[in-house]
């Protein structure tokens, strides 16, 4: 399990040189012992601060806090209702430039796994003004992944998010296996391969269990 999780973190780390060239640099703050990608060179135009950090950020390895939010069409979705699936949780806002920069790569990642029912992309919008602004932005850019409305910053508070964008990858058991602060190119092959391995874990365990049952019979 640790080796598998390390591959996700390594996939993020492997792309940092590419990001440094192609994306805006970002600032990160890490709690002691937190597992996340190495920091890139920082600039004033990177991660957008939304809250002062209180008690540090949520580290990889911890259980993900449950929440319930509504989609743009009014459907209520809770994290607990998705237990058993791999969750890609992104915290963002329409007014956040680094968030807008990484959104196309999230869409590509979503399209890559769109036929896999065991992988879910959730993008929790921190826009506090109006639903229409979020809906207009999503429609204009043709994003098909699930966008959640979080005007009261429930996810940000529950996950100690101090700036956006911020992304959490949650495994089937509800455990955070990777946490990344700042914009990232999520469509990189290394990331897709790492997520595929995470998604396939259940299938491998099921096959092993079936094999053991057949042997016992």
Protein backbone atom coordinates (compact mmCIF):
# COMPACT_ATOMS: atom_id res chain seq x y z
CA UNK A 1 0.00 0.00 0.00
CA UNK A 2 2.80 2.40 0.92
CA UNK A 3 4.57 1.62 -2.37
CA UNK A 4 1.40 2.31 -4.34
CA UNK A 5 0.80 5.63 -2.56
CA UNK A 6 4.43 6.59 -3.09
CA UNK A 7 3.96 6.16 -6.84
CA UNK A 8 1.24 8.81 -6.83
CA UNK A 9 3.48 11.20 -4.92
CA UNK A 10 6.38 10.36 -7.23
CA UNK A 11 4.20 11.00 -10.26
CA UNK A 12 3.48 14.47 -8.94
CA UNK A 13 7.12 15.09 -8.11
CA UNK A 14 8.29 13.86 -11.53
CA UNK A 15 6.35 16.59 -13.29
CA UNK A 16 7.60 19.51 -11.22
CA UNK A 17 10.30 20.56 -13.74
CA UNK A 18 7.71 20.61 -16.51
CA UNK A 19 5.37 22.64 -14.33
CA UNK A 20 8.12 25.11 -13.49
CA UNK A 21 8.44 25.85 -17.22
CA UNK A 22 4.82 25.66 -18.32
CA UNK A 23 2.78 26.80 -15.29
CA UNK A 24 2.89 29.60 -12.77
CA UNK A 25 5.04 28.81 -9.75
CA UNK A 26 3.22 28.53 -6.47
CA UNK A 27 3.81 28.90 -2.77
CA UNK A 28 3.22 25.99 -0.40
CA UNK A 29 3.06 25.54 3.32
CA UNK A 30 3.45 22.07 4.81
CA UNK A 31 2.80 20.71 8.26
CA UNK A 32 5.57 18.58 9.81
CA UNK A 33 5.46 15.07 8.40
CA UNK A 34 2.97 15.94 5.68
CA UNK A 35 3.26 13.94 2.48
CA UNK A 36 2.94 16.07 -0.64
CA UNK A 37 4.88 17.05 -3.71
CA UNK A 38 8.13 18.97 -3.36
CA UNK A 39 7.79 22.74 -3.47
CA UNK A 40 8.40 24.52 -6.76
CA UNK A 41 10.05 27.95 -6.95
CA UNK A 42 7.59 30.43 -5.49
CA UNK A 43 6.16 33.64 -6.91
CA UNK A 44 3.49 36.10 -5.84
CA UNK A 45 1.11 34.77 -8.50
CA UNK A 46 0.87 31.16 -7.42
CA UNK A 47 -1.52 29.62 -4.93
CA UNK A 48 -4.26 32.03 -3.85
CA UNK A 49 -4.63 32.41 -0.09
CA UNK A 50 -8.18 32.16 1.24
CA UNK A 51 -7.75 31.43 4.95
CA UNK A 52 -4.96 31.75 7.50
CA UNK A 53 -3.64 28.26 8.37
CA UNK A 54 -4.97 26.96 11.69
CA UNK A 55 -3.27 23.85 13.03
CA UNK A 56 -1.64 22.93 9.71
CA UNK A 57 -3.01 21.23 6.62
CA UNK A 58 -4.53 17.76 6.38
CA UNK A 59 -1.73 15.27 5.77
CA UNK A 60 -1.78 12.29 3.46
CA UNK A 61 -2.51 9.12 5.40
CA UNK A 62 -5.45 10.54 7.36
CA UNK A 63 -9.11 9.69 6.83
CA UNK A 64 -10.86 12.24 4.65
CA UNK A 65 -13.51 14.26 6.44
CA UNK A 66 -17.06 13.67 5.26
CA UNK A 67 -19.10 16.50 3.72
CA UNK A 68 -22.28 17.00 1.74
CA UNK A 69 -22.61 19.59 -1.02
CA UNK A 70 -24.86 20.20 -4.01
CA UNK A 71 -23.97 20.00 -7.68
CA UNK A 72 -24.88 22.69 -10.20
CA UNK A 73 -28.15 20.86 -10.94
CA UNK A 74 -29.05 20.66 -7.24
CA UNK A 75 -28.12 17.03 -6.58
CA UNK A 76 -26.75 16.40 -3.08
CA UNK A 77 -23.50 14.44 -2.93
CA UNK A 78 -21.68 13.34 0.21
CA UNK A 79 -18.19 11.93 0.37
CA UNK A 80 -19.39 8.99 2.47
CA UNK A 81 -21.84 7.99 -0.27
CA UNK A 82 -18.86 7.46 -2.57
CA UNK A 83 -16.96 5.15 -0.22
CA UNK A 84 -15.45 2.29 -2.22
CA UNK A 85 -14.44 4.59 -5.07
CA UNK A 86 -11.23 6.51 -5.72
CA UNK A 87 -11.92 10.24 -5.32
CA UNK A 88 -10.07 13.15 -6.90
CA UNK A 89 -11.11 16.16 -4.79
CA UNK A 90 -10.07 19.59 -6.04
CA UNK A 91 -10.75 22.85 -4.16
CA UNK A 92 -10.97 25.85 -6.49
CA UNK A 93 -12.80 29.06 -7.45
CA UNK A 94 -13.62 30.86 -10.69
CA UNK A 95 -11.71 33.97 -9.57
CA UNK A 96 -8.53 31.98 -8.89
CA UNK A 97 -6.10 32.25 -11.85
CA UNK A 98 -3.95 29.20 -10.91
CA UNK A 99 -7.18 27.19 -10.52
CA UNK A 100 -8.34 28.18 -13.99
CA UNK A 101 -4.93 27.24 -15.38
CA UNK A 102 -5.06 23.65 -14.14
CA UNK A 103 -8.75 23.03 -14.92
CA UNK A 104 -8.20 21.78 -18.51
CA UNK A 105 -5.82 19.09 -17.24
CA UNK A 106 -8.44 17.97 -14.70
CA UNK A 107 -10.93 17.67 -17.55
CA UNK A 108 -8.45 15.55 -19.51
CA UNK A 109 -7.94 13.33 -16.46
CA UNK A 110 -11.71 13.00 -16.09
CA UNK A 111 -12.11 12.04 -19.75
CA UNK A 112 -9.34 9.44 -19.40
CA UNK A 113 -11.29 7.66 -16.65
CA UNK A 114 -14.84 8.65 -17.63
CA UNK A 115 -15.87 5.06 -18.31
CA UNK A 116 -14.52 3.83 -14.98
CA UNK A 117 -17.32 3.94 -12.39
CA UNK A 118 -14.78 3.51 -9.58
CA UNK A 119 -13.14 6.91 -10.18
CA UNK A 120 -14.86 10.19 -9.33
CA UNK A 121 -13.70 13.75 -9.90
CA UNK A 122 -15.17 16.35 -7.52
CA UNK A 123 -14.33 20.04 -7.91
CA UNK A 124 -15.57 22.02 -4.90
CA UNK A 125 -16.05 25.66 -5.86
CA UNK A 126 -15.34 28.19 -3.09
CA UNK A 127 -17.20 30.96 -4.94
CA UNK A 128 -19.38 32.77 -2.42
CA UNK A 129 -21.19 35.19 -4.70
CA UNK A 130 -23.53 33.24 -6.97
CA UNK A 131 -24.19 29.85 -8.48
CA UNK A 132 -24.65 31.43 -11.92
CA UNK A 133 -21.01 32.55 -12.14
CA UNK A 134 -19.81 29.00 -11.53
CA UNK A 135 -22.37 27.50 -13.90
CA UNK A 136 -21.45 29.99 -16.64
CA UNK A 137 -17.72 29.29 -16.28
CA UNK A 138 -18.19 25.51 -16.37
CA UNK A 139 -20.49 25.63 -19.39
CA UNK A 140 -18.26 28.07 -21.29
CA UNK A 141 -15.27 25.75 -20.91
CA UNK A 142 -17.15 22.52 -21.50
CA UNK A 143 -16.08 20.85 -18.26
CA UNK A 144 -17.95 17.60 -17.65
CA UNK A 145 -16.60 16.54 -14.27
CA UNK A 146 -18.76 17.03 -11.18
CA UNK A 147 -18.67 20.56 -9.78
CA UNK A 148 -19.86 21.11 -6.21
CA UNK A 149 -21.03 24.42 -4.79
CA UNK A 150 -19.34 25.29 -1.49
CA UNK A 151 -20.09 28.97 -0.81
CA UNK A 152 -19.68 28.47 2.95
CA UNK A 153 -16.24 26.91 2.49
CA UNK A 154 -17.20 23.64 4.21
CA UNK A 155 -14.53 21.59 2.42
CA UNK A 156 -11.92 24.27 2.94
CA UNK A 157 -12.59 24.31 6.68
CA UNK A 158 -12.81 20.52 7.04
CA UNK A 159 -9.54 20.00 5.16
CA UNK A 160 -7.69 23.03 6.59
CA UNK A 161 -7.24 24.51 3.13
CA UNK A 162 -5.27 27.76 3.35
CA UNK A 163 -5.07 28.49 -0.37
CA UNK A 164 -6.34 27.27 -3.71
CA UNK A 165 -6.08 25.26 -5.82
CA UNK A 166 -5.55 22.35 -3.48
CA UNK A 167 -6.11 18.70 -4.38
CA UNK A 168 -6.68 15.52 -2.37
CA UNK A 169 -6.65 11.98 -3.74
CA UNK A 170 -8.72 9.64 -1.60
CA UNK A 171 -8.61 5.85 -1.85
CA UNK A 172 -11.47 3.35 -1.65
CA UNK A 173 -11.30 3.16 2.13
CA UNK A 174 -11.65 6.93 2.51
CA UNK A 175 -7.98 7.55 3.29
CA UNK A 176 -6.08 10.50 1.80
CA UNK A 177 -3.20 8.98 -0.16
CA UNK A 178 -1.90 12.19 -1.76
CA UNK A 179 -2.28 15.92 -1.10
CA UNK A 180 -1.01 18.58 -3.49
CA UNK A 181 -0.96 22.33 -2.93
CA UNK A 182 -0.98 24.59 -5.98
CA UNK A 183 -1.63 24.14 -9.72
CA UNK A 184 -0.55 20.94 -11.45
CA UNK A 185 -0.78 19.25 -14.84
CA UNK A 186 -2.97 16.29 -13.86
CA UNK A 187 -3.03 14.88 -17.41
CA UNK A 188 0.57 13.67 -17.29
CA UNK A 189 1.03 9.95 -18.11
CA UNK A 190 2.78 9.29 -14.79
CA UNK A 191 -0.26 10.54 -12.89
CA UNK A 192 -2.69 8.52 -15.01
CA UNK A 193 -0.63 5.36 -14.44
CA UNK A 194 -0.47 5.94 -10.67
CA UNK A 195 -4.22 6.51 -10.46
CA UNK A 196 -4.91 3.46 -12.61
CA UNK A 197 -2.92 1.33 -10.16
CA UNK A 198 -4.88 2.82 -7.26
CA UNK A 199 -8.19 2.11 -9.00
CA UNK A 200 -7.15 -1.43 -9.93
CA UNK A 201 -6.27 -2.31 -6.33
CA UNK A 202 -9.79 -3.52 -5.56
CA UNK A 203 -9.92 -5.66 -8.69
CA UNK A 204 -6.63 -7.31 -7.78
CA UNK A 205 -7.77 -7.97 -4.21
CA UNK A 206 -11.07 -9.42 -5.45
CA UNK A 207 -9.29 -11.72 -7.88
CA UNK A 208 -6.94 -12.88 -5.14
CA UNK A 209 -9.84 -13.57 -2.77
CA UNK A 210 -11.71 -15.54 -5.48
CA UNK A 211 -8.57 -17.56 -6.16
CA UNK A 212 -8.15 -18.39 -2.47
CA UNK A 213 -11.81 -19.45 -2.21
CA UNK A 214 -11.49 -21.69 -5.27
CA UNK A 215 -8.36 -23.29 -3.81
CA UNK A 216 -10.09 -23.94 -0.50
CA UNK A 217 -13.00 -25.65 -2.28
